[in-house]
Amino acid sequence: MDFERKRQESVYSNRVRAGKRRTYFFDVRKTKGDDYYLTITESTKRFDSDRYERHKIFLYKEDFNRFIEGLEDTVNHVKTELMPDYDYDEFTRRNEEYEASLANREDDTTSEDDMSW
């Protein structure tokens, strides 16, 4: 049981927030044969509850290069051929503003007990 749980643990994890309701997780996991693979998880908060819907992709090392090449090719096609005039940095700026507002809110909620006088 401990072996199975340990095998499921991430050896590296990266979280990418994509707006208020969607988050992507990139996790590196270890196989029984001391090999590594990547899981990509999209987690979306449901409108009707506090629950999350999750979708996973398992990506193995032999597919890394083809996957990245296919993803880059597809994204570049949208950016250059389908929507060349769109400001793709808009969402980065919005996300930075949103995270800054969250940090400010956390700073504002400091109670008197937390303050040193």
PDB file of N, CA and C in Angstrom:
ATOM      1  N   MET A   1       0.823  -1.195   0.000  1.00  0.00           N
ATOM      2  CA  MET A   1       0.000   0.000   0.000  1.00  0.00           C
ATOM      3  C   MET A   1       0.868   1.261   0.000  1.00  0.00           C
ATOM      4  N   ASP A   2       1.892   1.308   0.838  1.00  0.00           N
ATOM      5  CA  ASP A   2       2.765   2.478   0.876  1.00  0.00           C
ATOM      6  C   ASP A   2       3.473   2.684  -0.456  1.00  0.00           C
ATOM      7  N   PHE A   3       3.886   1.571  -1.094  1.00  0.00           N
ATOM      8  CA  PHE A   3       4.556   1.662  -2.383  1.00  0.00           C
ATOM      9  C   PHE A   3       3.633   2.295  -3.419  1.00  0.00           C
ATOM     10  N   GLU A   4       2.375   1.867  -3.457  1.00  0.00           N
ATOM     11  CA  GLU A   4       1.420   2.395  -4.437  1.00  0.00           C
ATOM     12  C   GLU A   4       1.174   3.882  -4.196  1.00  0.00           C
ATOM     13  N   ARG A   5       1.028   4.277  -2.933  1.00  0.00           N
ATOM     14  CA  ARG A   5       0.800   5.687  -2.615  1.00  0.00           C
ATOM     15  C   ARG A   5       2.037   6.511  -2.984  1.00  0.00           C
ATOM     16  N   LYS A   6       3.229   5.997  -2.658  1.00  0.00           N
ATOM     17  CA  LYS A   6       4.463   6.705  -2.974  1.00  0.00           C
ATOM     18  C   LYS A   6       4.632   6.855  -4.476  1.00  0.00           C
ATOM     19  N   ARG A   7       4.256   5.811  -5.229  1.00  0.00           N
ATOM     20  CA  ARG A   7       4.371   5.854  -6.685  1.00  0.00           C
ATOM     21  C   ARG A   7       3.471   6.929  -7.272  1.00  0.00           C
ATOM     22  N   GLN A   8       2.350   7.199  -6.638  1.00  0.00           N
ATOM     23  CA  GLN A   8       1.402   8.184  -7.138  1.00  0.00           C
ATOM     24  C   GLN A   8       1.808   9.623  -6.819  1.00  0.00           C
ATOM     25  N   GLU A   9       2.738   9.803  -5.893  1.00  0.00           N
ATOM     26  CA  GLU A   9       3.149  11.144  -5.503  1.00  0.00           C
ATOM     27  C   GLU A   9       3.927  11.815  -6.632  1.00  0.00           C
ATOM     28  N   SER A  10       3.779  13.109  -6.718  1.00  0.00           N
ATOM     29  CA  SER A  10       4.525  13.878  -7.718  1.00  0.00           C
ATOM     30  C   SER A  10       5.954  14.087  -7.242  1.00  0.00           C
ATOM     31  N   VAL A  11       6.888  14.026  -8.174  1.00  0.00           N
ATOM     32  CA  VAL A  11       8.264  14.385  -7.854  1.00  0.00           C
ATOM     33  C   VAL A  11       8.529  15.837  -8.245  1.00  0.00           C
ATOM     34  N   TYR A  12       7.618  16.405  -9.013  1.00  0.00           N
ATOM     35  CA  TYR A  12       7.679  17.815  -9.393  1.00  0.00           C
ATOM     36  C   TYR A  12       6.268  18.234  -9.786  1.00  0.00           C
ATOM     37  N   SER A  13       5.886  19.444  -9.403  1.00  0.00           N
ATOM     38  CA  SER A  13       4.550  19.915  -9.738  1.00  0.00           C
ATOM     39  C   SER A  13       4.594  21.396 -10.074  1.00  0.00           C
ATOM     40  N   ASN A  14       3.775  21.784 -11.047  1.00  0.00           N
ATOM     41  CA  ASN A  14       3.677  23.176 -11.463  1.00  0.00           C
ATOM     42  C   ASN A  14       2.199  23.478 -11.686  1.00  0.00           C
ATOM     43  N   ARG A  15       1.724  24.553 -11.074  1.00  0.00           N
ATOM     44  CA  ARG A  15       0.320  24.938 -11.195  1.00  0.00           C
ATOM     45  C   ARG A  15       0.215  26.224 -12.006  1.00  0.00           C
ATOM     46  N   VAL A  16      -0.736  26.231 -12.957  1.00  0.00           N
ATOM     47  CA  VAL A  16      -0.972  27.414 -13.780  1.00  0.00           C
ATOM     48  C   VAL A  16      -2.442  27.789 -13.629  1.00  0.00           C
ATOM     49  N   ARG A  17      -2.688  28.933 -13.031  1.00  0.00           N
ATOM     50  CA  ARG A  17      -4.066  29.417 -12.908  1.00  0.00           C
ATOM     51  C   ARG A  17      -4.473  30.069 -14.209  1.00  0.00           C
ATOM     52  N   ALA A  18      -5.680  29.754 -14.631  1.00  0.00           N
ATOM     53  CA  ALA A  18      -6.188  30.285 -15.902  1.00  0.00           C
ATOM     54  C   ALA A  18      -7.554  30.894 -15.638  1.00  0.00           C
ATOM     55  N   GLY A  19      -7.571  32.030 -15.005  1.00  0.00           N
ATOM     56  CA  GLY A  19      -8.830  32.672 -14.678  1.00  0.00           C
ATOM     57  C   GLY A  19      -9.310  32.273 -13.294  1.00  0.00           C
ATOM     58  N   LYS A  20     -10.567  32.588 -13.029  1.00  0.00           N
ATOM     59  CA  LYS A  20     -11.127  32.345 -11.700  1.00  0.00           C
ATOM     60  C   LYS A  20     -11.565  30.908 -11.487  1.00  0.00           C
ATOM     61  N   ARG A  21     -11.921  30.210 -12.554  1.00  0.00           N
ATOM     62  CA  ARG A  21     -12.514  28.880 -12.402  1.00  0.00           C
ATOM     63  C   ARG A  21     -11.640  27.732 -12.911  1.00  0.00           C
ATOM     64  N   ARG A  22     -10.547  28.023 -13.599  1.00  0.00           N
ATOM     65  CA  ARG A  22      -9.797  26.956 -14.258  1.00  0.00           C
ATOM     66  C   ARG A  22      -8.331  26.993 -13.834  1.00  0.00           C
ATOM     67  N   THR A  23      -7.795  25.807 -13.533  1.00  0.00           N
ATOM     68  CA  THR A  23      -6.390  25.664 -13.161  1.00  0.00           C
ATOM     69  C   THR A  23      -5.825  24.451 -13.881  1.00  0.00           C
ATOM     70  N   TYR A  24      -4.576  24.578 -14.329  1.00  0.00           N
ATOM     71  CA  TYR A  24      -3.875  23.454 -14.952  1.00  0.00           C
ATOM     72  C   TYR A  24      -2.753  23.019 -14.015  1.00  0.00           C
ATOM     73  N   PHE A  25      -2.603  21.700 -13.869  1.00  0.00           N
ATOM     74  CA  PHE A  25      -1.536  21.137 -13.061  1.00  0.00           C
ATOM     75  C   PHE A  25      -0.650  20.287 -13.960  1.00  0.00           C
ATOM     76  N   PHE A  26       0.648  20.520 -13.875  1.00  0.00           N
ATOM     77  CA  PHE A  26       1.636  19.728 -14.598  1.00  0.00           C
ATOM     78  C   PHE A  26       2.435  18.978 -13.536  1.00  0.00           C
ATOM     79  N   ASP A  27       2.271  17.670 -13.479  1.00  0.00           N
ATOM     80  CA  ASP A  27       2.925  16.859 -12.462  1.00  0.00           C
ATOM     81  C   ASP A  27       3.822  15.814 -13.098  1.00  0.00           C
ATOM     82  N   VAL A  28       5.035  15.678 -12.556  1.00  0.00           N
ATOM     83  CA  VAL A  28       5.939  14.610 -12.962  1.00  0.00           C
ATOM     84  C   VAL A  28       5.785  13.499 -11.933  1.00  0.00           C
ATOM     85  N   ARG A  29       5.542  12.281 -12.427  1.00  0.00           N
ATOM     86  CA  ARG A  29       5.369  11.124 -11.553  1.00  0.00           C
ATOM     87  C   ARG A  29       6.370  10.042 -11.938  1.00  0.00           C
ATOM     88  N   LYS A  30       6.623   9.155 -10.998  1.00  0.00           N
ATOM     89  CA  LYS A  30       7.605   8.094 -11.190  1.00  0.00           C
ATOM     90  C   LYS A  30       6.890   6.764 -11.408  1.00  0.00           C
ATOM     91  N   THR A  31       7.390   5.961 -12.348  1.00  0.00           N
ATOM     92  CA  THR A  31       6.816   4.641 -12.608  1.00  0.00           C
ATOM     93  C   THR A  31       7.474   3.589 -11.715  1.00  0.00           C
ATOM     94  N   LYS A  32       6.949   2.393 -11.739  1.00  0.00           N
ATOM     95  CA  LYS A  32       7.540   1.284 -10.984  1.00  0.00           C
ATOM     96  C   LYS A  32       8.975   1.021 -11.416  1.00  0.00           C
ATOM     97  N   GLY A  33       9.263   1.214 -12.699  1.00  0.00           N
ATOM     98  CA  GLY A  33      10.596   0.965 -13.246  1.00  0.00           C
ATOM     99  C   GLY A  33      11.534   2.149 -13.153  1.00  0.00           C
ATOM    100  N   ASP A  34      11.274   3.056 -12.230  1.00  0.00           N
ATOM    101  CA  ASP A  34      12.096   4.257 -12.036  1.00  0.00           C
ATOM    102  C   ASP A  34      12.193   5.109 -13.295  1.00  0.00           C
ATOM    103  N   ASP A  35      11.107   5.204 -14.015  1.00  0.00           N
ATOM    104  CA  ASP A  35      10.998   6.072 -15.175  1.00  0.00           C
ATOM    105  C   ASP A  35      10.059   7.210 -14.782  1.00  0.00           C
ATOM    106  N   TYR A  36       9.894   8.204 -15.625  1.00  0.00           N
ATOM    107  CA  TYR A  36       9.051   9.352 -15.300  1.00  0.00           C
ATOM    108  C   TYR A  36       8.069   9.619 -16.428  1.00  0.00           C
ATOM    109  N   TYR A  37       6.918  10.146 -16.058  1.00  0.00           N
ATOM    110  CA  TYR A  37       5.911  10.562 -17.021  1.00  0.00           C
ATOM    111  C   TYR A  37       5.248  11.818 -16.494  1.00  0.00           C
ATOM    112  N   LEU A  38       4.519  12.477 -17.345  1.00  0.00           N
ATOM    113  CA  LEU A  38       3.882  13.747 -17.023  1.00  0.00           C
ATOM    114  C   LEU A  38       2.375  13.569 -17.023  1.00  0.00           C
ATOM    115  N   THR A  39       1.718  14.137 -16.016  1.00  0.00           N
ATOM    116  CA  THR A  39       0.258  14.224 -16.066  1.00  0.00           C
ATOM    117  C   THR A  39      -0.105  15.695 -16.180  1.00  0.00           C
ATOM    118  N   ILE A  40      -1.022  15.982 -17.075  1.00  0.00           N
ATOM    119  CA  ILE A  40      -1.556  17.329 -17.248  1.00  0.00           C
ATOM    120  C   ILE A  40      -3.011  17.254 -16.830  1.00  0.00           C
ATOM    121  N   THR A  41      -3.377  18.030 -15.829  1.00  0.00           N
ATOM    122  CA  THR A  41      -4.741  17.997 -15.299  1.00  0.00           C
ATOM    123  C   THR A  41      -5.368  19.364 -15.455  1.00  0.00           C
ATOM    124  N   GLU A  42      -6.559  19.393 -16.034  1.00  0.00           N
ATOM    125  CA  GLU A  42      -7.357  20.613 -16.067  1.00  0.00           C
ATOM    126  C   GLU A  42      -8.394  20.464 -14.971  1.00  0.00           C
ATOM    127  N   SER A  43      -8.449  21.425 -14.073  1.00  0.00           N
ATOM    128  CA  SER A  43      -9.420  21.415 -12.987  1.00  0.00           C
ATOM    129  C   SER A  43     -10.305  22.649 -13.145  1.00  0.00           C
ATOM    130  N   THR A  44     -11.605  22.421 -13.279  1.00  0.00           N
ATOM    131  CA  THR A  44     -12.553  23.507 -13.495  1.00  0.00           C
ATOM    132  C   THR A  44     -13.607  23.487 -12.397  1.00  0.00           C
ATOM    133  N   LYS A  45     -13.808  24.626 -11.763  1.00  0.00           N
ATOM    134  CA  LYS A  45     -14.838  24.725 -10.732  1.00  0.00           C
ATOM    135  C   LYS A  45     -16.205  24.730 -11.400  1.00  0.00           C
ATOM    136  N   ARG A  46     -17.103  23.907 -10.891  1.00  0.00           N
ATOM    137  CA  ARG A  46     -18.454  23.819 -11.450  1.00  0.00           C
ATOM    138  C   ARG A  46     -19.275  25.022 -11.013  1.00  0.00           C
ATOM    139  N   PHE A  47     -20.168  25.450 -11.898  1.00  0.00           N
ATOM    140  CA  PHE A  47     -21.025  26.600 -11.592  1.00  0.00           C
ATOM    141  C   PHE A  47     -21.989  26.302 -10.452  1.00  0.00           C
ATOM    142  N   ASP A  48     -22.528  25.086 -10.421  1.00  0.00           N
ATOM    143  CA  ASP A  48     -23.623  24.756  -9.522  1.00  0.00           C
ATOM    144  C   ASP A  48     -23.198  24.274  -8.136  1.00  0.00           C
ATOM    145  N   SER A  49     -21.896  24.218  -7.857  1.00  0.00           N
ATOM    146  CA  SER A  49     -21.459  23.742  -6.543  1.00  0.00           C
ATOM    147  C   SER A  49     -20.015  24.159  -6.296  1.00  0.00           C
ATOM    148  N   ASP A  50     -19.495  23.719  -5.164  1.00  0.00           N
ATOM    149  CA  ASP A  50     -18.090  23.976  -4.840  1.00  0.00           C
ATOM    150  C   ASP A  50     -17.206  22.840  -5.325  1.00  0.00           C
ATOM    151  N   ARG A  51     -17.746  21.957  -6.130  1.00  0.00           N
ATOM    152  CA  ARG A  51     -16.996  20.814  -6.644  1.00  0.00           C
ATOM    153  C   ARG A  51     -16.200  21.198  -7.884  1.00  0.00           C
ATOM    154  N   TYR A  52     -15.218  20.357  -8.188  1.00  0.00           N
ATOM    155  CA  TYR A  52     -14.365  20.578  -9.350  1.00  0.00           C
ATOM    156  C   TYR A  52     -14.484  19.402 -10.306  1.00  0.00           C
ATOM    157  N   GLU A  53     -14.398  19.719 -11.572  1.00  0.00           N
ATOM    158  CA  GLU A  53     -14.362  18.701 -12.623  1.00  0.00           C
ATOM    159  C   GLU A  53     -12.911  18.607 -13.084  1.00  0.00           C
ATOM    160  N   ARG A  54     -12.402  17.373 -13.206  1.00  0.00           N
ATOM    161  CA  ARG A  54     -11.001  17.199 -13.593  1.00  0.00           C
ATOM    162  C   ARG A  54     -10.878  16.326 -14.829  1.00  0.00           C
ATOM    163  N   HIS A  55      -9.957  16.729 -15.697  1.00  0.00           N
ATOM    164  CA  HIS A  55      -9.634  15.952 -16.895  1.00  0.00           C
ATOM    165  C   HIS A  55      -8.122  15.782 -16.928  1.00  0.00           C
ATOM    166  N   LYS A  56      -7.663  14.566 -17.218  1.00  0.00           N
ATOM    167  CA  LYS A  56      -6.224  14.274 -17.194  1.00  0.00           C
ATOM    168  C   LYS A  56      -5.723  13.759 -18.519  1.00  0.00           C
ATOM    169  N   ILE A  57      -4.475  14.121 -18.803  1.00  0.00           N
ATOM    170  CA  ILE A  57      -3.730  13.577 -19.937  1.00  0.00           C
ATOM    171  C   ILE A  57      -2.441  12.993 -19.357  1.00  0.00           C
ATOM    172  N   PHE A  58      -2.110  11.793 -19.753  1.00  0.00           N
ATOM    173  CA  PHE A  58      -0.853  11.169 -19.359  1.00  0.00           C
ATOM    174  C   PHE A  58       0.096  11.263 -20.541  1.00  0.00           C
ATOM    175  N   LEU A  59       1.266  11.804 -20.317  1.00  0.00           N
ATOM    176  CA  LEU A  59       2.225  12.022 -21.395  1.00  0.00           C
ATOM    177  C   LEU A  59       3.541  11.333 -21.029  1.00  0.00           C
ATOM    178  N   TYR A  60       3.978  10.435 -21.904  1.00  0.00           N
ATOM    179  CA  TYR A  60       5.174   9.643 -21.651  1.00  0.00           C
ATOM    180  C   TYR A  60       6.356  10.210 -22.429  1.00  0.00           C
ATOM    181  N   LYS A  61       7.571   9.970 -21.929  1.00  0.00           N
ATOM    182  CA  LYS A  61       8.781  10.612 -22.446  1.00  0.00           C
ATOM    183  C   LYS A  61       8.966  10.443 -23.943  1.00  0.00           C
ATOM    184  N   GLU A  62       8.547   9.296 -24.476  1.00  0.00           N
ATOM    185  CA  GLU A  62       8.720   9.068 -25.910  1.00  0.00           C
ATOM    186  C   GLU A  62       7.816   9.969 -26.755  1.00  0.00           C
ATOM    187  N   ASP A  63       6.849  10.602 -26.114  1.00  0.00           N
ATOM    188  CA  ASP A  63       5.928  11.483 -26.836  1.00  0.00           C
ATOM    189  C   ASP A  63       6.173  12.969 -26.555  1.00  0.00           C
ATOM    190  N   PHE A  64       7.084  13.297 -25.648  1.00  0.00           N
ATOM    191  CA  PHE A  64       7.310  14.695 -25.261  1.00  0.00           C
ATOM    192  C   PHE A  64       7.550  15.594 -26.468  1.00  0.00           C
ATOM    193  N   ASN A  65       8.525  15.251 -27.291  1.00  0.00           N
ATOM    194  CA  ASN A  65       8.897  16.128 -28.409  1.00  0.00           C
ATOM    195  C   ASN A  65       7.761  16.295 -29.413  1.00  0.00           C
ATOM    196  N   ARG A  66       7.092  15.201 -29.759  1.00  0.00           N
ATOM    197  CA  ARG A  66       5.976  15.302 -30.720  1.00  0.00           C
ATOM    198  C   ARG A  66       4.817  16.092 -30.128  1.00  0.00           C
ATOM    199  N   PHE A  67       4.554  15.908 -28.844  1.00  0.00           N
ATOM    200  CA  PHE A  67       3.473  16.640 -28.187  1.00  0.00           C
ATOM    201  C   PHE A  67       3.753  18.139 -28.203  1.00  0.00           C
ATOM    202  N   ILE A  68       4.967  18.513 -27.774  1.00  0.00           N
ATOM    203  CA  ILE A  68       5.342  19.937 -27.749  1.00  0.00           C
ATOM    204  C   ILE A  68       5.296  20.526 -29.147  1.00  0.00           C
ATOM    205  N   GLU A  69       5.816  19.791 -30.121  1.00  0.00           N
ATOM    206  CA  GLU A  69       5.803  20.271 -31.510  1.00  0.00           C
ATOM    207  C   GLU A  69       4.372  20.466 -32.006  1.00  0.00           C
ATOM    208  N   GLY A  70       3.508  19.515 -31.728  1.00  0.00           N
ATOM    209  CA  GLY A  70       2.106  19.631 -32.149  1.00  0.00           C
ATOM    210  C   GLY A  70       1.393  20.772 -31.453  1.00  0.00           C
ATOM    211  N   LEU A  71       1.641  20.940 -30.168  1.00  0.00           N
ATOM    212  CA  LEU A  71       1.013  22.031 -29.413  1.00  0.00           C
ATOM    213  C   LEU A  71       1.496  23.388 -29.929  1.00  0.00           C
ATOM    214  N   GLU A  72       2.809  23.543 -30.082  1.00  0.00           N
ATOM    215  CA  GLU A  72       3.355  24.811 -30.587  1.00  0.00           C
ATOM    216  C   GLU A  72       2.835  25.123 -31.986  1.00  0.00           C
ATOM    217  N   ASP A  73       2.788  24.122 -32.854  1.00  0.00           N
ATOM    218  CA  ASP A  73       2.300  24.317 -34.219  1.00  0.00           C
ATOM    219  C   ASP A  73       0.846  24.785 -34.213  1.00  0.00           C
ATOM    220  N   THR A  74       0.037  24.152 -33.376  1.00  0.00           N
ATOM    221  CA  THR A  74      -1.386  24.495 -33.316  1.00  0.00           C
ATOM    222  C   THR A  74      -1.606  25.890 -32.741  1.00  0.00           C
ATOM    223  N   VAL A  75      -0.908  26.209 -31.657  1.00  0.00           N
ATOM    224  CA  VAL A  75      -1.040  27.536 -31.041  1.00  0.00           C
ATOM    225  C   VAL A  75      -0.554  28.612 -32.008  1.00  0.00           C
ATOM    226  N   ASN A  76       0.571  28.377 -32.655  1.00  0.00           N
ATOM    227  CA  ASN A  76       1.091  29.361 -33.624  1.00  0.00           C
ATOM    228  C   ASN A  76       0.140  29.546 -34.801  1.00  0.00           C
ATOM    229  N   HIS A  77      -0.532  28.486 -35.237  1.00  0.00           N
ATOM    230  CA  HIS A  77      -1.507  28.607 -36.325  1.00  0.00           C
ATOM    231  C   HIS A  77      -2.645  29.541 -35.915  1.00  0.00           C
ATOM    232  N   VAL A  78      -3.136  29.368 -34.705  1.00  0.00           N
ATOM    233  CA  VAL A  78      -4.215  30.250 -34.230  1.00  0.00           C
ATOM    234  C   VAL A  78      -3.706  31.682 -34.140  1.00  0.00           C
ATOM    235  N   LYS A  79      -2.504  31.862 -33.569  1.00  0.00           N
ATOM    236  CA  LYS A  79      -1.973  33.208 -33.375  1.00  0.00           C
ATOM    237  C   LYS A  79      -1.652  33.917 -34.688  1.00  0.00           C
ATOM    238  N   THR A  80      -1.126  33.202 -35.668  1.00  0.00           N
ATOM    239  CA  THR A  80      -0.676  33.866 -36.897  1.00  0.00           C
ATOM    240  C   THR A  80      -1.690  33.819 -38.038  1.00  0.00           C
ATOM    241  N   GLU A  81      -2.467  32.754 -38.117  1.00  0.00           N
ATOM    242  CA  GLU A  81      -3.383  32.582 -39.249  1.00  0.00           C
ATOM    243  C   GLU A  81      -4.832  32.926 -38.916  1.00  0.00           C
ATOM    244  N   LEU A  82      -5.292  32.507 -37.771  1.00  0.00           N
ATOM    245  CA  LEU A  82      -6.718  32.674 -37.452  1.00  0.00           C
ATOM    246  C   LEU A  82      -7.022  33.966 -36.702  1.00  0.00           C
ATOM    247  N   MET A  83      -6.137  34.366 -35.792  1.00  0.00           N
ATOM    248  CA  MET A  83      -6.394  35.558 -34.976  1.00  0.00           C
ATOM    249  C   MET A  83      -5.115  36.386 -34.808  1.00  0.00           C
ATOM    250  N   PRO A  84      -4.530  36.859 -35.908  1.00  0.00           N
ATOM    251  CA  PRO A  84      -3.244  37.560 -35.808  1.00  0.00           C
ATOM    252  C   PRO A  84      -3.323  38.916 -35.103  1.00  0.00           C
ATOM    253  N   ASP A  85      -4.488  39.538 -35.060  1.00  0.00           N
ATOM    254  CA  ASP A  85      -4.611  40.868 -34.464  1.00  0.00           C
ATOM    255  C   ASP A  85      -4.998  40.840 -32.990  1.00  0.00           C
ATOM    256  N   TYR A  86      -5.201  39.666 -32.455  1.00  0.00           N
ATOM    257  CA  TYR A  86      -5.619  39.545 -31.059  1.00  0.00           C
ATOM    258  C   TYR A  86      -4.435  39.806 -30.122  1.00  0.00           C
ATOM    259  N   ASP A  87      -4.699  40.460 -28.995  1.00  0.00           N
ATOM    260  CA  ASP A  87      -3.673  40.748 -27.991  1.00  0.00           C
ATOM    261  C   ASP A  87      -3.597  39.578 -27.007  1.00  0.00           C
ATOM    262  N   TYR A  88      -2.695  38.634 -27.253  1.00  0.00           N
ATOM    263  CA  TYR A  88      -2.589  37.435 -26.420  1.00  0.00           C
ATOM    264  C   TYR A  88      -2.012  37.724 -25.043  1.00  0.00           C
ATOM    265  N   ASP A  89      -1.400  38.878 -24.857  1.00  0.00           N
ATOM    266  CA  ASP A  89      -0.869  39.244 -23.544  1.00  0.00           C
ATOM    267  C   ASP A  89      -1.943  39.824 -22.630  1.00  0.00           C
ATOM    268  N   GLU A  90      -3.136  40.070 -23.173  1.00  0.00           N
ATOM    269  CA  GLU A  90      -4.231  40.632 -22.378  1.00  0.00           C
ATOM    270  C   GLU A  90      -4.519  39.761 -21.156  1.00  0.00           C
ATOM    271  N   PHE A  91      -4.578  38.464 -21.341  1.00  0.00           N
ATOM    272  CA  PHE A  91      -4.924  37.577 -20.236  1.00  0.00           C
ATOM    273  C   PHE A  91      -3.802  37.497 -19.209  1.00  0.00           C
ATOM    274  N   THR A  92      -2.559  37.621 -19.661  1.00  0.00           N
ATOM    275  CA  THR A  92      -1.443  37.641 -18.721  1.00  0.00           C
ATOM    276  C   THR A  92      -1.548  38.874 -17.836  1.00  0.00           C
ATOM    277  N   ARG A  93      -1.827  40.021 -18.430  1.00  0.00           N
ATOM    278  CA  ARG A  93      -1.974  41.251 -17.655  1.00  0.00           C
ATOM    279  C   ARG A  93      -3.151  41.147 -16.691  1.00  0.00           C
ATOM    280  N   ARG A  94      -4.278  40.628 -17.178  1.00  0.00           N
ATOM    281  CA  ARG A  94      -5.451  40.475 -16.317  1.00  0.00           C
ATOM    282  C   ARG A  94      -5.165  39.543 -15.141  1.00  0.00           C
ATOM    283  N   ASN A  95      -4.469  38.451 -15.417  1.00  0.00           N
ATOM    284  CA  ASN A  95      -4.151  37.494 -14.366  1.00  0.00           C
ATOM    285  C   ASN A  95      -3.229  38.115 -13.326  1.00  0.00           C
ATOM    286  N   GLU A  96      -2.241  38.877 -13.788  1.00  0.00           N
ATOM    287  CA  GLU A  96      -1.337  39.553 -12.855  1.00  0.00           C
ATOM    288  C   GLU A  96      -2.107  40.547 -11.979  1.00  0.00           C
ATOM    289  N   GLU A  97      -3.043  41.282 -12.570  1.00  0.00           N
ATOM    290  CA  GLU A  97      -3.859  42.221 -11.808  1.00  0.00           C
ATOM    291  C   GLU A  97      -4.742  41.489 -10.800  1.00  0.00           C
ATOM    292  N   TYR A  98      -5.320  40.354 -11.229  1.00  0.00           N
ATOM    293  CA  TYR A  98      -6.179  39.564 -10.347  1.00  0.00           C
ATOM    294  C   TYR A  98      -5.385  39.019  -9.158  1.00  0.00           C
ATOM    295  N   GLU A  99      -4.200  38.475  -9.412  1.00  0.00           N
ATOM    296  CA  GLU A  99      -3.384  37.932  -8.328  1.00  0.00           C
ATOM    297  C   GLU A  99      -2.905  39.041  -7.393  1.00  0.00           C
ATOM    298  N   ALA A 100      -2.610  40.209  -7.944  1.00  0.00           N
ATOM    299  CA  ALA A 100      -2.215  41.342  -7.099  1.00  0.00           C
ATOM    300  C   ALA A 100      -3.379  41.773  -6.210  1.00  0.00           C
ATOM    301  N   SER A 101      -4.596  41.754  -6.747  1.00  0.00           N
ATOM    302  CA  SER A 101      -5.756  42.129  -5.933  1.00  0.00           C
ATOM    303  C   SER A 101      -5.992  41.111  -4.822  1.00  0.00           C
ATOM    304  N   LEU A 102      -5.738  39.833  -5.097  1.00  0.00           N
ATOM    305  CA  LEU A 102      -5.864  38.808  -4.058  1.00  0.00           C
ATOM    306  C   LEU A 102      -4.827  39.027  -2.962  1.00  0.00           C
ATOM    307  N   ALA A 103      -3.611  39.342  -3.355  1.00  0.00           N
ATOM    308  CA  ALA A 103      -2.560  39.591  -2.377  1.00  0.00           C
ATOM    309  C   ALA A 103      -2.897  40.808  -1.528  1.00  0.00           C
ATOM    310  N   ASN A 104      -3.446  41.850  -2.158  1.00  0.00           N
ATOM    311  CA  ASN A 104      -3.843  43.050  -1.403  1.00  0.00           C
ATOM    312  C   ASN A 104      -4.965  42.740  -0.436  1.00  0.00           C
ATOM    313  N   ARG A 105      -5.906  41.904  -0.864  1.00  0.00           N
ATOM    314  CA  ARG A 105      -7.014  41.516   0.003  1.00  0.00           C
ATOM    315  C   ARG A 105      -6.501  40.751   1.215  1.00  0.00           C
ATOM    316  N   GLU A 106      -5.530  39.863   1.006  1.00  0.00           N
ATOM    317  CA  GLU A 106      -4.951  39.111   2.118  1.00  0.00           C
ATOM    318  C   GLU A 106      -4.259  40.054   3.083  1.00  0.00           C
ATOM    319  N   ASP A 107      -3.566  41.078   2.563  1.00  0.00           N
ATOM    320  CA  ASP A 107      -2.903  42.060   3.418  1.00  0.00           C
ATOM    321  C   ASP A 107      -3.914  42.859   4.220  1.00  0.00           C
ATOM    322  N   ASP A 108      -5.063  43.169   3.618  1.00  0.00           N
ATOM    323  CA  ASP A 108      -6.097  43.965   4.278  1.00  0.00           C
ATOM    324  C   ASP A 108      -6.833  43.195   5.355  1.00  0.00           C
ATOM    325  N   THR A 109      -6.785  41.878   5.339  1.00  0.00           N
ATOM    326  CA  THR A 109      -7.545  41.077   6.308  1.00  0.00           C
ATOM    327  C   THR A 109      -6.735  40.754   7.550  1.00  0.00           C
ATOM    328  N   THR A 110      -5.567  41.352   7.698  1.00  0.00           N
ATOM    329  CA  THR A 110      -4.751  41.126   8.885  1.00  0.00           C
ATOM    330  C   THR A 110      -5.504  41.657  10.093  1.00  0.00           C
ATOM    331  N   SER A 111      -5.676  40.826  11.094  1.00  0.00           N
ATOM    332  CA  SER A 111      -6.426  41.232  12.279  1.00  0.00           C
ATOM    333  C   SER A 111      -5.522  41.993  13.238  1.00  0.00           C
ATOM    334  N   GLU A 112      -6.144  42.659  14.242  1.00  0.00           N
ATOM    335  CA  GLU A 112      -5.371  43.372  15.239  1.00  0.00           C
ATOM    336  C   GLU A 112      -4.476  42.432  16.012  1.00  0.00           C
ATOM    337  N   ASP A 113      -4.934  41.196  16.214  1.00  0.00           N
ATOM    338  CA  ASP A 113      -4.129  40.219  16.947  1.00  0.00           C
ATOM    339  C   ASP A 113      -2.849  39.894  16.201  1.00  0.00           C
ATOM    340  N   ASP A 114      -2.852  40.027  14.881  1.00  0.00           N
ATOM    341  CA  ASP A 114      -1.676  39.713  14.105  1.00  0.00           C
ATOM    342  C   ASP A 114      -0.678  40.870  14.059  1.00  0.00           C
ATOM    343  N   MET A 115      -1.113  42.060  14.467  1.00  0.00           N
ATOM    344  CA  MET A 115      -0.247  43.227  14.384  1.00  0.00           C
ATOM    345  C   MET A 115       0.611  43.320  15.644  1.00  0.00           C
ATOM    346  N   SER A 116       1.847  43.720  15.430  1.00  0.00           N
ATOM    347  CA  SER A 116       2.712  43.952  16.599  1.00  0.00           C
ATOM    348  C   SER A 116       2.687  45.428  16.904  1.00  0.00           C
ATOM    349  N   TRP A 117       2.477  45.769  18.170  1.00  0.00           N
ATOM    350  CA  TRP A 117       2.358  47.177  18.574  1.00  0.00           C
ATOM    351  C   TRP A 117       3.557  47.600  19.329  1.00  0.00           C
TER     352      TRP A 117
END
